[in-house]
Amino acid sequence: MIKIIKKELNIRPYLKKKIMWAGKYTNINIEVIKGNLIRLEPTNMTYIESHKVIINGKDIFCINELNNQFRLCELIHYFKKTKSIL
């Protein structure tokens, strides 16, 4: 039987500080959810779930996702674009 083990990853304080600053700068509600390291035992398979930023309770912005990597300076532009849509 496969057992799923989740271990919460820590987000660096300076990264969280910059994200929260970008939210205050653009006047948007932001919630940061820490990512997880997911292991399947007894196999050696692992999966890293990226950190998520929930914007105004709807949109999700993933940090350090392998498929869609965003630079932190692009985060403010993303927030402004999201704010203009709402």
Protein backbone atom coordinates (compact mmCIF):
# COMPACT_ATOMS: atom_id res chain seq x y z
CA MET A 1 0.00 0.00 0.00
CA ILE A 2 1.30 3.46 -0.92
CA LYS A 3 1.51 6.00 1.88
CA ILE A 4 1.47 9.73 1.05
CA ILE A 5 3.68 11.87 3.29
CA LYS A 6 3.45 15.68 3.11
CA LYS A 7 6.09 17.93 4.59
CA GLU A 8 5.47 21.68 4.56
CA LEU A 9 8.19 23.75 2.90
CA ASN A 10 9.30 26.99 4.50
CA ILE A 11 9.02 30.16 2.50
CA ARG A 12 11.96 32.52 2.86
CA PRO A 13 11.08 35.58 4.97
CA TYR A 14 12.42 38.08 2.43
CA LEU A 15 10.32 36.47 -0.31
CA LYS A 16 7.14 36.65 1.75
CA LYS A 17 7.98 40.24 2.71
CA LYS A 18 8.35 41.23 -0.96
CA ILE A 19 5.08 39.53 -1.89
CA MET A 20 3.20 41.27 0.92
CA TRP A 21 4.80 44.60 -0.07
CA ALA A 22 3.61 44.12 -3.67
CA GLY A 23 0.10 43.46 -2.38
CA LYS A 24 0.10 46.61 -0.24
CA TYR A 25 1.53 48.64 -3.12
CA THR A 26 -1.28 47.56 -5.46
CA ASN A 27 -3.94 47.54 -2.68
CA ILE A 28 -4.90 43.88 -3.22
CA ASN A 29 -5.78 41.21 -0.63
CA ILE A 30 -3.11 38.51 -0.66
CA GLU A 31 -2.82 35.17 1.10
CA VAL A 32 0.40 33.15 0.91
CA ILE A 33 0.14 29.36 1.17
CA LYS A 34 3.30 27.39 1.76
CA GLY A 35 4.16 24.58 -0.62
CA ASN A 36 4.68 20.94 0.29
CA LEU A 37 7.15 18.19 -0.35
CA ILE A 38 5.07 15.12 -1.16
CA ARG A 39 6.66 11.68 -0.85
CA LEU A 40 5.15 8.37 -1.84
CA GLU A 41 6.37 5.56 0.37
CA PRO A 42 7.66 2.84 -0.09
CA THR A 43 8.77 4.27 -3.47
CA ASN A 44 11.42 6.93 -3.91
CA MET A 45 9.06 9.25 -5.83
CA THR A 46 8.77 12.85 -4.64
CA TYR A 47 6.82 15.85 -5.86
CA ILE A 48 7.31 19.48 -4.90
CA GLU A 49 4.11 21.48 -4.66
CA SER A 50 4.94 25.15 -5.22
CA HIS A 51 4.07 28.06 -2.92
CA LYS A 52 0.82 29.77 -3.89
CA VAL A 53 -0.36 33.36 -3.65
CA ILE A 54 -4.13 33.71 -3.58
CA ILE A 55 -5.21 37.09 -4.94
CA ASN A 56 -8.54 38.48 -3.74
CA GLY A 57 -9.66 34.97 -2.82
CA LYS A 58 -9.94 33.88 -6.47
CA ASP A 59 -6.82 33.92 -8.64
CA ILE A 60 -3.84 31.71 -7.83
CA PHE A 61 -0.26 32.68 -8.62
CA CYS A 62 2.29 29.89 -8.13
CA ILE A 63 5.83 30.75 -7.09
CA ASN A 64 8.75 28.64 -8.34
CA GLU A 65 6.52 26.44 -10.45
CA LEU A 66 8.60 24.52 -12.97
CA ASN A 67 6.29 25.10 -15.96
CA ASN A 68 5.50 28.78 -15.39
CA GLN A 69 8.32 30.60 -13.67
CA PHE A 70 7.75 34.25 -12.83
CA ARG A 71 10.32 36.69 -11.63
CA LEU A 72 9.36 38.50 -8.46
CA CYS A 73 9.46 41.89 -10.21
CA GLU A 74 6.70 40.59 -12.53
CA LEU A 75 4.45 40.00 -9.53
CA ILE A 76 3.44 43.67 -9.23
CA HIS A 77 2.50 43.76 -12.93
CA TYR A 78 0.44 40.59 -12.44
CA PHE A 79 -1.34 42.15 -9.45
CA LYS A 80 -2.10 45.33 -11.39
CA LYS A 81 -3.47 43.31 -14.30
CA THR A 82 -5.64 41.28 -11.93
CA LYS A 83 -6.87 44.45 -10.22
CA SER A 84 -7.87 46.03 -13.55
CA ILE A 85 -9.91 42.92 -14.46
CA LEU A 86 -11.84 43.05 -11.17
